[in-house]
Protein backbone atom coordinates (compact mmCIF):
# COMPACT_ATOMS: atom_id res chain seq x y z
CA UNK A 1 -12.58 25.72 -34.79
CA UNK A 2 -13.26 26.63 -31.16
CA UNK A 3 -10.47 26.26 -28.65
CA UNK A 4 -11.14 23.86 -25.78
CA UNK A 5 -10.21 25.39 -22.40
CA UNK A 6 -7.54 23.47 -20.48
CA UNK A 7 -9.55 24.01 -17.32
CA UNK A 8 -11.64 21.04 -18.44
CA UNK A 9 -8.63 18.75 -18.48
CA UNK A 10 -8.99 16.08 -15.75
CA UNK A 11 -5.64 16.81 -14.12
CA UNK A 12 -6.26 14.33 -11.30
CA UNK A 13 -6.69 11.45 -13.76
CA UNK A 14 -3.74 12.47 -15.93
CA UNK A 15 -1.31 13.07 -13.07
CA UNK A 16 -2.30 9.99 -11.06
CA UNK A 17 -1.91 7.81 -14.16
CA UNK A 18 1.52 9.32 -14.86
CA UNK A 19 2.57 8.80 -11.23
CA UNK A 20 1.48 5.15 -11.30
CA UNK A 21 3.44 4.55 -14.50
CA UNK A 22 6.52 6.19 -12.93
CA UNK A 23 6.23 4.03 -9.81
CA UNK A 24 5.88 1.00 -12.05
CA UNK A 25 9.11 1.86 -13.87
CA UNK A 26 10.99 2.17 -10.58
CA UNK A 27 9.53 -1.10 -9.26
CA UNK A 28 10.38 -2.96 -12.47
CA UNK A 29 13.88 -1.53 -12.29
CA UNK A 30 14.14 -2.86 -8.75
CA UNK A 31 13.09 -6.25 -10.06
CA UNK A 32 15.90 -6.11 -12.62
CA UNK A 33 18.36 -5.21 -9.86
CA UNK A 34 17.26 -8.07 -7.60
CA UNK A 35 17.43 -10.49 -10.52
CA UNK A 36 21.04 -9.47 -11.14
CA UNK A 37 20.44 -7.86 -14.55
CA UNK A 38 23.58 -6.03 -15.65
CA UNK A 39 23.24 -2.23 -15.87
CA UNK A 40 24.63 -2.48 -19.41
CA UNK A 41 21.98 -4.98 -20.49
CA UNK A 42 18.56 -4.08 -21.87
CA UNK A 43 16.38 -5.07 -18.93
CA UNK A 44 12.64 -5.00 -18.42
CA UNK A 45 12.74 -1.44 -17.10
CA UNK A 46 14.39 -0.16 -20.28
CA UNK A 47 11.78 -1.87 -22.42
CA UNK A 48 8.99 -0.52 -20.23
CA UNK A 49 10.27 3.02 -20.74
CA UNK A 50 9.81 2.55 -24.48
CA UNK A 51 6.27 1.26 -23.94
CA UNK A 52 5.57 4.19 -21.63
CA UNK A 53 6.43 6.54 -24.50
CA UNK A 54 4.02 4.66 -26.78
CA UNK A 55 1.37 4.81 -24.05
CA UNK A 56 1.76 8.58 -23.81
CA UNK A 57 1.36 8.87 -27.58
CA UNK A 58 -1.72 6.61 -27.47
CA UNK A 59 -3.19 8.74 -24.69
CA UNK A 60 -2.76 11.96 -26.66
CA UNK A 61 -3.95 10.44 -29.93
CA UNK A 62 -7.13 8.98 -28.44
CA UNK A 63 -7.88 12.19 -26.53
CA UNK A 64 -7.72 14.09 -29.84
CA UNK A 65 -10.29 11.88 -31.59
CA UNK A 66 -13.72 13.58 -31.82
CA UNK A 67 -16.57 11.86 -29.99
CA UNK A 68 -18.57 11.31 -33.17
CA UNK A 69 -15.65 9.50 -34.77
CA UNK A 70 -15.21 7.32 -31.69
CA UNK A 71 -18.88 6.38 -31.82
CA UNK A 72 -18.64 5.49 -35.50
CA UNK A 73 -15.56 3.33 -34.84
CA UNK A 74 -17.03 1.53 -31.82
CA UNK A 75 -18.66 -1.42 -33.57
CA UNK A 76 -15.86 -1.91 -36.15
CA UNK A 77 -13.38 -1.89 -33.25
CA UNK A 78 -15.45 -4.53 -31.46
CA UNK A 79 -15.49 -6.72 -34.58
CA UNK A 80 -11.73 -6.31 -34.99
CA UNK A 81 -11.14 -7.19 -31.32
CA UNK A 82 -13.20 -10.38 -31.62
CA UNK A 83 -11.31 -11.28 -34.78
CA UNK A 84 -7.97 -10.85 -33.02
CA UNK A 85 -9.18 -12.92 -30.06
CA UNK A 86 -9.95 -15.72 -32.51
CA UNK A 87 -6.65 -15.23 -34.34
CA UNK A 88 -4.58 -15.96 -31.22
CA UNK A 89 -5.48 -19.64 -31.57
CA UNK A 90 -3.59 -19.76 -34.86
CA UNK A 91 -0.30 -19.32 -32.99
CA UNK A 92 1.53 -21.72 -30.66
CA UNK A 93 0.83 -21.53 -26.94
CA UNK A 94 3.27 -19.75 -24.65
CA UNK A 95 3.50 -20.85 -21.03
CA UNK A 96 0.39 -22.95 -21.52
CA UNK A 97 -1.75 -20.08 -22.87
CA UNK A 98 -2.67 -18.72 -26.27
CA UNK A 99 -2.95 -15.01 -25.48
CA UNK A 100 -0.48 -13.37 -27.85
CA UNK A 101 -0.03 -12.60 -31.54
CA UNK A 102 3.60 -12.16 -32.62
CA UNK A 103 4.09 -8.98 -34.64
CA UNK A 104 7.76 -8.98 -35.52
CA UNK A 105 9.72 -8.77 -32.25
CA UNK A 106 6.61 -7.67 -30.34
CA UNK A 107 3.94 -9.85 -28.75
CA UNK A 108 0.48 -8.29 -29.05
CA UNK A 109 -2.08 -9.29 -26.41
CA UNK A 110 -5.52 -8.63 -27.98
CA UNK A 111 -7.44 -9.12 -24.74
CA UNK A 112 -5.98 -5.86 -23.36
CA UNK A 113 -7.40 -3.86 -26.26
CA UNK A 114 -10.62 -5.90 -26.29
CA UNK A 115 -11.54 -4.28 -22.95
CA UNK A 116 -11.69 -0.86 -24.59
CA UNK A 117 -13.38 -2.18 -27.73
CA UNK A 118 -16.15 -3.80 -25.69
CA UNK A 119 -16.53 -0.65 -23.60
CA UNK A 120 -16.95 1.55 -26.67
CA UNK A 121 -19.41 -0.90 -28.21
CA UNK A 122 -21.49 -0.93 -25.01
CA UNK A 123 -21.43 2.86 -24.77
CA UNK A 124 -22.42 3.15 -28.44
CA UNK A 125 -25.30 0.70 -28.12
CA UNK A 126 -26.66 2.10 -24.85
CA UNK A 127 -26.46 5.74 -25.92
CA UNK A 128 -29.95 7.20 -26.40
CA UNK A 129 -31.70 3.89 -25.71
CA UNK A 130 -34.28 2.89 -23.17
CA UNK A 131 -34.89 -0.75 -24.09
CA UNK A 132 -32.10 -1.83 -21.74
CA UNK A 133 -34.50 -0.94 -18.92
CA UNK A 134 -36.38 -4.12 -19.81
CA UNK A 135 -35.21 -7.69 -19.29
CA UNK A 136 -35.16 -8.41 -23.02
CA UNK A 137 -33.25 -5.19 -23.67
CA UNK A 138 -30.39 -6.41 -21.46
CA UNK A 139 -29.66 -9.30 -23.80
CA UNK A 140 -27.65 -7.34 -26.46
CA UNK A 141 -25.28 -5.73 -23.90
CA UNK A 142 -24.71 -9.11 -22.28
CA UNK A 143 -23.99 -10.70 -25.65
CA UNK A 144 -21.52 -7.95 -26.50
CA UNK A 145 -19.68 -8.86 -23.29
CA UNK A 146 -20.07 -12.64 -23.17
CA UNK A 147 -18.62 -13.32 -26.65
CA UNK A 148 -15.14 -11.86 -25.95
CA UNK A 149 -15.22 -13.18 -22.38
CA UNK A 150 -15.79 -16.71 -23.68
CA UNK A 151 -12.87 -16.38 -26.11
CA UNK A 152 -10.59 -15.03 -23.37
CA UNK A 153 -11.56 -17.82 -20.96
CA UNK A 154 -10.59 -20.34 -23.62
CA UNK A 155 -7.04 -18.93 -23.87
CA UNK A 156 -7.19 -19.44 -20.79
CA UNK A 157 -7.03 -16.05 -19.03
CA UNK A 158 -9.44 -15.99 -16.11
CA UNK A 159 -8.07 -12.76 -14.64
CA UNK A 160 -8.67 -10.64 -17.73
CA UNK A 161 -12.09 -12.19 -18.28
CA UNK A 162 -13.15 -11.21 -14.77
CA UNK A 163 -12.85 -7.46 -15.38
CA UNK A 164 -15.46 -7.38 -18.15
CA UNK A 165 -18.44 -8.09 -15.92
CA UNK A 166 -17.86 -5.21 -13.43
CA UNK A 167 -17.32 -2.94 -16.43
CA UNK A 168 -20.63 -4.07 -17.90
CA UNK A 169 -22.35 -3.49 -14.56
CA UNK A 170 -20.90 0.02 -14.24
CA UNK A 171 -21.98 0.98 -17.75
CA UNK A 172 -25.50 -0.39 -17.22
CA UNK A 173 -25.82 1.48 -13.91
CA UNK A 174 -24.62 4.69 -15.51
CA UNK A 175 -27.11 4.21 -18.35
CA UNK A 176 -30.02 3.89 -15.93
CA UNK A 177 -30.73 0.15 -16.04
CA UNK A 178 -33.16 -1.04 -13.40
CA UNK A 179 -31.54 -2.19 -10.18
CA UNK A 180 -33.94 -5.13 -9.85
CA UNK A 181 -32.90 -6.44 -13.27
CA UNK A 182 -29.21 -6.10 -12.46
CA UNK A 183 -29.73 -7.84 -9.11
CA UNK A 184 -31.52 -10.70 -10.85
CA UNK A 185 -28.65 -10.97 -13.34
CA UNK A 186 -26.15 -11.05 -10.45
CA UNK A 187 -28.09 -13.85 -8.74
CA UNK A 188 -28.20 -15.77 -12.00
CA UNK A 189 -24.46 -15.32 -12.36
CA UNK A 190 -23.86 -16.68 -8.86
CA UNK A 191 -26.05 -19.67 -9.67
CA UNK A 192 -23.77 -20.39 -12.64
CA UNK A 193 -20.65 -20.59 -10.47
CA UNK A 194 -20.87 -24.41 -10.14
CA UNK A 195 -20.85 -24.64 -13.94
CA UNK A 196 -17.81 -22.35 -14.06
CA UNK A 197 -16.08 -24.49 -11.45
CA UNK A 198 -16.64 -27.64 -13.48
CA UNK A 199 -15.25 -25.90 -16.55
CA UNK A 200 -12.04 -24.82 -14.81
CA UNK A 201 -8.79 -26.66 -15.31
CA UNK A 202 -7.10 -28.41 -12.39
CA UNK A 203 -4.58 -25.56 -12.13
CA UNK A 204 -7.32 -22.91 -11.97
CA UNK A 205 -9.15 -24.83 -9.25
CA UNK A 206 -5.94 -25.17 -7.25
CA UNK A 207 -5.53 -21.39 -7.25
CA UNK A 208 -8.99 -21.02 -5.73
CA UNK A 209 -8.44 -23.65 -3.05
CA UNK A 210 -5.03 -22.17 -2.20
CA UNK A 211 -6.80 -19.10 -0.78
CA UNK A 212 -8.51 -21.26 1.83
CA UNK A 213 -5.45 -23.37 2.67
CA UNK A 214 -2.79 -20.66 2.85
CA UNK A 215 -0.36 -20.65 5.75
CA UNK A 216 -0.88 -18.18 8.60
CA UNK A 217 1.26 -15.05 8.86
CA UNK A 218 3.30 -16.60 11.69
CA UNK A 219 4.71 -19.16 9.23
CA UNK A 220 5.92 -16.74 6.57
CA UNK A 221 9.53 -17.41 7.51
CA UNK A 222 9.09 -21.06 6.50
CA UNK A 223 10.13 -22.17 2.99
CA UNK A 224 7.46 -21.77 0.33
CA UNK A 225 5.42 -24.96 -0.06
CA UNK A 226 5.55 -26.75 -3.40
CA UNK A 227 2.43 -26.81 -5.52
CA UNK A 228 -0.71 -24.74 -5.17
CA UNK A 229 0.31 -22.21 -2.51
CA UNK A 230 3.82 -21.45 -3.77
CA UNK A 231 3.12 -18.13 -5.53
CA UNK A 232 0.91 -16.81 -2.76
CA UNK A 233 3.41 -17.70 -0.03
CA UNK A 234 6.23 -16.03 -1.96
CA UNK A 235 4.10 -12.94 -2.49
CA UNK A 236 3.34 -12.59 1.22
CA UNK A 237 7.01 -13.13 2.08
CA UNK A 238 8.06 -10.20 -0.13
CA UNK A 239 5.29 -7.99 1.29
CA UNK A 240 6.47 -8.87 4.79
CA UNK A 241 10.08 -7.97 3.93
CA UNK A 242 9.11 -4.53 2.66
CA UNK A 243 5.59 -3.24 3.10
CA UNK A 244 5.04 -4.75 6.53
CA UNK A 245 8.21 -3.31 7.98
CA UNK A 246 10.32 -6.44 7.83
CA UNK A 247 14.06 -6.52 7.34
CA UNK A 248 13.69 -4.39 4.20
CA UNK A 249 12.48 -1.64 6.50
CA UNK A 250 9.19 0.14 6.88
CA UNK A 251 10.19 2.41 4.01
CA UNK A 252 11.51 -0.41 1.81
CA UNK A 253 14.71 -0.70 -0.20
CA UNK A 254 16.76 -2.34 2.53
CA UNK A 255 16.74 -6.04 1.67
CA UNK A 256 20.19 -7.57 1.95
CA UNK A 257 21.72 -9.99 -0.49
CA UNK A 258 20.96 -13.03 1.66
CA UNK A 259 17.24 -12.35 1.18
CA UNK A 260 17.30 -12.27 -2.60
CA UNK A 261 16.03 -15.84 -2.77
CA UNK A 262 12.84 -14.75 -1.05
CA UNK A 263 12.53 -11.84 -3.48
CA UNK A 264 12.74 -14.02 -6.58
CA UNK A 265 8.98 -14.20 -6.93
CA UNK A 266 7.76 -15.64 -10.24
CA UNK A 267 6.12 -13.00 -12.48
CA UNK A 268 7.34 -10.31 -10.07
CA UNK A 269 7.41 -7.58 -12.72
CA UNK A 270 3.97 -8.44 -14.10
CA UNK A 271 1.34 -10.10 -11.91
CA UNK A 272 3.12 -9.43 -8.60
CA UNK A 273 4.61 -5.99 -9.24
CA UNK A 274 2.77 -4.72 -6.15
CA UNK A 275 5.21 -6.81 -4.11
CA UNK A 276 8.14 -5.04 -5.77
CA UNK A 277 6.53 -1.71 -4.89
CA UNK A 278 6.38 -2.85 -1.27
CA UNK A 279 10.00 -3.98 -1.28
CA UNK A 280 11.22 -0.82 -3.00
CA UNK A 281 9.10 1.83 -1.24
CA UNK A 282 7.77 0.05 1.85
CA UNK A 283 4.37 0.68 3.38
CA UNK A 284 4.20 4.34 2.20
CA UNK A 285 4.70 3.15 -1.37
CA UNK A 286 1.89 0.60 -1.25
CA UNK A 287 -0.47 3.14 0.34
CA UNK A 288 0.51 5.69 -2.31
CA UNK A 289 -0.31 3.26 -5.11
CA UNK A 290 -3.70 2.49 -3.59
CA UNK A 291 -4.36 6.20 -3.10
CA UNK A 292 -3.40 7.00 -6.69
CA UNK A 293 -5.75 4.33 -7.99
CA UNK A 294 -8.52 5.74 -5.81
CA UNK A 295 -7.84 9.20 -7.22
CA UNK A 296 -7.80 7.90 -10.79
CA UNK A 297 -11.10 6.05 -10.42
CA UNK A 298 -12.76 8.97 -8.62
CA UNK A 299 -11.62 11.34 -11.37
CA UNK A 300 -13.07 9.05 -14.07
CA UNK A 301 -16.40 8.92 -12.26
CA UNK A 302 -16.38 12.68 -11.75
CA UNK A 303 -15.86 13.18 -15.48
CA UNK A 304 -18.76 10.80 -16.13
CA UNK A 305 -21.02 12.64 -13.69
CA UNK A 306 -20.27 16.03 -15.25
CA UNK A 307 -20.64 14.90 -18.86
CA UNK A 308 -23.95 15.64 -20.57
CA UNK A 309 -23.22 13.41 -23.57
CA UNK A 310 -24.54 9.84 -23.06
CA UNK A 311 -21.72 8.15 -24.97
CA UNK A 312 -19.06 10.10 -23.09
CA UNK A 313 -20.66 9.47 -19.73
CA UNK A 314 -20.81 5.72 -20.25
CA UNK A 315 -17.24 5.62 -21.59
CA UNK A 316 -15.76 7.47 -18.61
CA UNK A 317 -17.71 5.35 -16.13
CA UNK A 318 -16.53 2.17 -17.84
CA UNK A 319 -12.88 3.26 -17.77
CA UNK A 320 -13.19 3.98 -14.05
CA UNK A 321 -14.65 0.52 -13.49
CA UNK A 322 -11.83 -1.07 -15.50
CA UNK A 323 -9.06 0.58 -13.51
CA UNK A 324 -10.78 0.02 -10.17
CA UNK A 325 -11.60 -3.63 -10.78
CA UNK A 326 -8.11 -4.53 -11.98
CA UNK A 327 -6.45 -2.72 -9.09
CA UNK A 328 -8.66 -4.44 -6.51
CA UNK A 329 -8.22 -7.92 -7.99
CA UNK A 330 -4.45 -7.61 -8.42
CA UNK A 331 -3.68 -6.20 -4.97
CA UNK A 332 -6.14 -8.56 -3.28
CA UNK A 333 -4.56 -11.63 -4.84
CA UNK A 334 -1.07 -10.63 -3.68
CA UNK A 335 -2.20 -10.69 -0.03
CA UNK A 336 -4.31 -13.83 -0.30
CA UNK A 337 -7.78 -12.28 -0.31
CA UNK A 338 -8.54 -13.51 -3.83
CA UNK A 339 -7.27 -16.37 -6.01
CA UNK A 340 -4.20 -15.71 -8.13
CA UNK A 341 -5.56 -15.03 -11.59
CA UNK A 342 -2.61 -13.63 -13.53
CA UNK A 343 -4.08 -10.14 -13.88
CA UNK A 344 -1.67 -7.24 -14.31
CA UNK A 345 -1.77 -4.12 -12.15
CA UNK A 346 -2.75 -1.42 -14.68
CA UNK A 347 -0.13 1.23 -15.49
CA UNK A 348 2.31 -0.40 -13.03
CA UNK A 349 2.95 -3.93 -14.27
CA UNK A 350 5.40 -4.68 -17.05
CA UNK A 351 3.78 -5.27 -20.42
CA UNK A 352 3.52 -3.32 -23.64
CA UNK A 353 -0.05 -4.20 -24.59
CA UNK A 354 -1.33 -3.50 -21.09
CA UNK A 355 0.46 -0.16 -20.74
CA UNK A 356 -0.52 1.13 -24.18
CA UNK A 357 -4.15 0.08 -23.63
CA UNK A 358 -4.14 1.87 -20.27
CA UNK A 359 -2.75 4.98 -21.92
CA UNK A 360 -5.55 4.84 -24.48
CA UNK A 361 -8.09 4.42 -21.68
CA UNK A 362 -6.83 7.56 -19.94
CA UNK A 363 -7.01 9.31 -23.31
CA UNK A 364 -10.68 8.36 -23.57
CA UNK A 365 -11.41 10.01 -20.23
CA UNK A 366 -9.45 13.13 -21.18
CA UNK A 367 -11.31 13.36 -24.48
CA UNK A 368 -14.67 13.03 -22.73
CA UNK A 369 -13.74 15.72 -20.23
CA UNK A 370 -12.58 18.14 -22.92
CA UNK A 371 -15.57 17.71 -25.21
CA UNK A 372 -18.45 16.60 -23.01
CA UNK A 373 -20.97 19.26 -22.17
CA UNK A 374 -20.26 20.06 -18.53
CA UNK A 375 -23.72 19.86 -17.06
CA UNK A 376 -25.55 17.55 -14.72
CA UNK A 377 -28.99 16.30 -15.63
CA UNK A 378 -31.46 14.80 -13.18
CA UNK A 379 -31.76 11.64 -15.25
CA UNK A 380 -28.81 9.32 -15.94
CA UNK A 381 -29.18 9.88 -19.68
CA UNK A 382 -31.10 12.22 -21.94
CA UNK A 383 -33.24 10.72 -24.67
CA UNK A 384 -34.43 12.67 -27.67
CA UNK A 385 -37.70 11.72 -29.41
CA UNK A 386 -35.99 9.90 -32.29
CA UNK A 387 -34.00 7.72 -29.87
CA UNK A 388 -36.87 6.90 -27.52
CA UNK A 389 -37.00 3.15 -28.10
């Protein structure tokens, strides 16, 4: 068995992912502190440290799986993911959503792992194929994506469902799909927005309209309004206290006790953890998180560009799209540039399923970098005679 040189290890991806997870632990710990959690109690930060250990194990385990085995497991993994997405409806709703499957004391969120299952299925299908360069050939990849997206929308979980389409687009671009076909599909998708709007619940619509009716920055000191704009107003208040150089200081961590009411943002450790980063580390912390995500995505794309294996190239490109899309949507919604969708900030937000799935995603990129033939071909993919179809 040949030894794989460590020089192929994507250090930028591995270190940036580890740094983001570490920042997340500190931010979650700050959330526990602001919420008055006793140091002797088992808070969210303590639980997240356990999940971080599982994520590290998942990263190493997935990186060790040979590419051929991953390809053979792609379609069974997709079938299992769809089955789990259906199984969630057999359990009672939590907070108005059916997203979790109780496994003993743990709540498993299948949609987090479905992202990777769909990615592997797309990479498996598109490897060594050319029929996706035709309009008809685009139908199977879209079906592989639309089925889990429909199940996730029904939960309902609009935020998670949104990340599948950019991932599909990135994989199709990396596989050499025609730009005109992708543009036509994008136009068709925009034309379907009225149908999506009609299918949204009243709460989901209110989150969209809240973006256009949010209060100006000069009114952040006012109490948060009840109803649609509450979460967004609270989020911007916390960002102003820390990241914008408010009373928490330009470098964060200085909020006094009288301001704790403003810092009690709902879902602060999950959907709005970026606000805790701002409060804890100030503007430098928020810029560091954005820079680390940029480094992580760039490293994934670099691995994809240097990989000569079609399956590996598509997998690495898809992982980069996943991390980039989730980071953009999450941070944009905290500042009011996008509707609040309930999407976690990968590697940073509290959540076992999310963190372990992110660890596995990083493991996929590491595995591709270690085993992919490091060469750049003029064409996006190489097709042998037996796969020319």
